[in-house]
Protein backbone atom coordinates (compact mmCIF):
# COMPACT_ATOMS: atom_id res chain seq x y z
CA MET A 1 101.61 43.20 90.81
CA GLN A 2 102.51 46.83 91.48
CA TYR A 3 99.70 49.32 90.81
CA GLY A 4 100.24 52.85 89.48
CA GLU A 5 99.26 55.73 91.71
CA SER A 6 95.87 56.34 89.96
CA GLU A 7 94.98 52.72 90.03
CA TYR A 8 95.99 52.38 93.70
CA GLU A 9 93.95 55.63 94.52
CA MET A 10 91.04 54.15 92.79
CA LEU A 11 91.17 50.99 94.69
CA LEU A 12 91.62 52.67 97.97
CA ARG A 13 88.54 54.72 97.31
CA ARG A 14 86.62 51.57 96.66
CA VAL A 15 87.78 50.13 99.75
CA GLN A 16 86.87 52.91 101.73
CA SER A 17 83.79 53.37 100.08
CA THR A 18 82.72 49.68 100.71
CA SER A 19 83.99 49.46 104.29
CA SER A 20 82.27 52.98 105.22
CA SER A 21 79.01 52.53 103.79
CA ALA A 22 77.26 51.61 107.04
CA PRO A 23 78.48 54.76 108.83
CA ILE A 24 77.51 56.98 105.86
CA ARG A 25 73.80 55.97 106.23
CA ASP A 26 73.77 57.29 109.72
CA ALA A 27 75.72 60.28 108.79
CA TYR A 28 74.72 63.89 108.95
CA LEU A 29 73.92 65.72 105.71
CA LEU A 30 76.48 68.62 105.39
CA PRO A 31 74.09 71.32 105.92
CA GLY A 32 72.74 69.86 109.18
CA ALA A 33 76.41 69.33 110.19
CA ALA A 34 77.30 72.65 109.59
CA ARG A 35 74.38 74.12 111.48
CA ALA A 36 75.07 71.76 114.32
CA ALA A 37 78.77 72.82 114.39
CA TYR A 38 77.82 76.45 114.36
CA GLN A 39 75.25 76.03 117.19
CA LYS A 40 77.82 74.14 119.37
CA ALA A 41 80.11 76.76 118.69
CA LEU A 42 77.74 79.55 119.60
CA SER A 43 76.81 77.65 122.80
CA GLU A 44 80.40 76.94 123.69
CA LYS A 45 81.57 80.46 122.79
CA LEU A 46 84.29 78.87 120.63
CA PRO A 47 86.31 81.59 118.59
CA LEU A 48 85.07 79.80 115.41
CA ALA A 49 81.64 81.04 116.03
CA HIS A 50 82.94 84.71 115.88
CA ILE A 51 85.09 84.05 112.71
CA ALA A 52 81.89 82.47 111.20
CA ASP A 53 79.88 85.49 112.24
CA GLN A 54 82.08 87.73 110.23
CA SER A 55 80.89 86.05 106.98
CA GLU A 56 77.51 86.64 105.52
CA ARG A 57 76.64 83.00 105.96
CA PRO A 58 78.02 81.47 109.08
CA GLN A 59 76.52 77.79 108.29
CA LEU A 60 78.25 78.00 104.73
CA TRP A 61 81.49 79.05 106.39
CA PHE A 62 81.12 76.11 108.83
CA ALA A 63 80.43 73.71 105.76
CA ASN A 64 83.54 74.74 103.79
CA ASN A 65 85.57 74.69 107.06
CA ILE A 66 84.35 71.08 107.75
CA LEU A 67 85.45 70.15 104.14
CA GLN A 68 88.89 71.53 104.82
CA VAL A 69 89.28 69.93 108.19
CA VAL A 70 87.99 66.41 108.29
CA GLY A 71 86.49 65.90 104.84
CA VAL A 72 83.10 64.61 103.83
CA HIS A 73 81.79 61.72 102.23
CA GLY A 74 79.84 62.17 98.72
CA LYS A 75 79.17 60.55 95.63
CA SER A 76 79.33 61.10 91.80
CA PRO A 77 76.02 61.78 90.27
CA ASP A 78 76.61 58.73 88.34
CA ASP A 79 77.74 56.42 90.84
CA GLY A 80 76.00 55.13 94.17
CA GLU A 81 79.15 54.53 96.10
CA TYR A 82 80.23 57.07 98.53
CA VAL A 83 83.92 58.12 98.65
CA HIS A 84 85.78 60.04 101.40
CA LEU A 85 86.53 63.44 100.05
CA THR A 86 89.67 65.17 101.29
CA ARG A 87 91.19 68.52 100.84
CA GLU A 88 93.14 66.95 98.07
CA THR A 89 90.29 65.59 96.25
CA THR A 90 88.04 68.65 96.56
CA GLY A 91 90.69 71.31 95.65
CA GLY A 92 89.52 73.63 93.01
CA LEU A 93 85.80 72.58 93.59
CA LYS A 94 83.30 75.04 95.18
CA LEU A 95 80.70 74.12 97.46
CA MET A 96 77.09 75.25 96.09
CA ASP A 97 75.09 77.60 98.08
CA ASP A 98 72.63 74.99 99.43
CA MET A 99 75.82 72.99 100.74
CA THR A 100 74.42 69.87 99.02
CA ALA A 101 77.16 69.49 96.22
CA LEU A 102 80.66 70.37 94.92
CA VAL A 103 81.10 71.81 91.46
CA ALA A 104 83.92 72.69 89.48
CA PRO A 105 84.12 76.49 88.57
CA ASP A 106 83.73 75.91 84.63
CA GLU A 107 81.11 73.19 85.10
CA GLU A 108 77.27 73.21 85.62
CA ARG A 109 77.00 69.55 86.68
CA PRO A 110 78.03 68.64 90.17
CA ARG A 111 81.01 66.44 90.78
CA TYR A 112 80.01 65.28 93.97
CA VAL A 113 76.41 65.22 95.48
CA ASP A 114 74.73 64.04 98.65
CA LEU A 115 77.47 65.18 101.10
CA ARG A 116 77.51 63.81 104.37
CA VAL A 117 79.64 63.82 107.51
CA THR A 118 80.13 60.71 109.58
CA LYS A 119 79.42 61.03 113.41
CA ALA A 120 83.07 60.24 113.97
CA ASP A 121 84.30 62.95 111.67
CA PHE A 122 81.79 65.36 113.16
CA ASP A 123 82.94 64.68 116.71
CA ARG A 124 86.68 64.87 115.41
CA TYR A 125 85.79 68.37 114.04
CA ILE A 126 84.18 69.56 117.10
CA GLU A 127 87.14 68.46 119.25
CA TRP A 128 89.54 70.17 116.67
CA ALA A 129 87.36 73.51 116.92
CA ARG A 130 87.71 73.60 120.62
CA THR A 131 91.51 74.01 120.11
CA VAL A 132 91.38 76.76 117.89
CA TYR A 133 92.15 80.23 119.46
């Protein structure tokens, strides 16, 4: 049986969600990951720290950057399963000021909540951050 693209994506997300549920429990909440990334960037004097400092809220800047570079895991408010949210799936969504949810500009209700960054993705993000000049 050949799946249509949307059916395939749905199946892939379900498999990713199921196979990655254990690392999600040990993952950083996005605000904590952003704070840790900012602190690490400051301590290592990475250029990204300077870039983030140019914004009014450096930790929010890092949270948005993590979303763009490695993605996060989150879940729909109606569903208990985590899905990996990439730049493609979060395009057009806005990170709430408290960094806990993603919302569409014309909606009040969040699309994704309980945003988390796995340790592996956090480590990959820091490795990437060290290469930015």
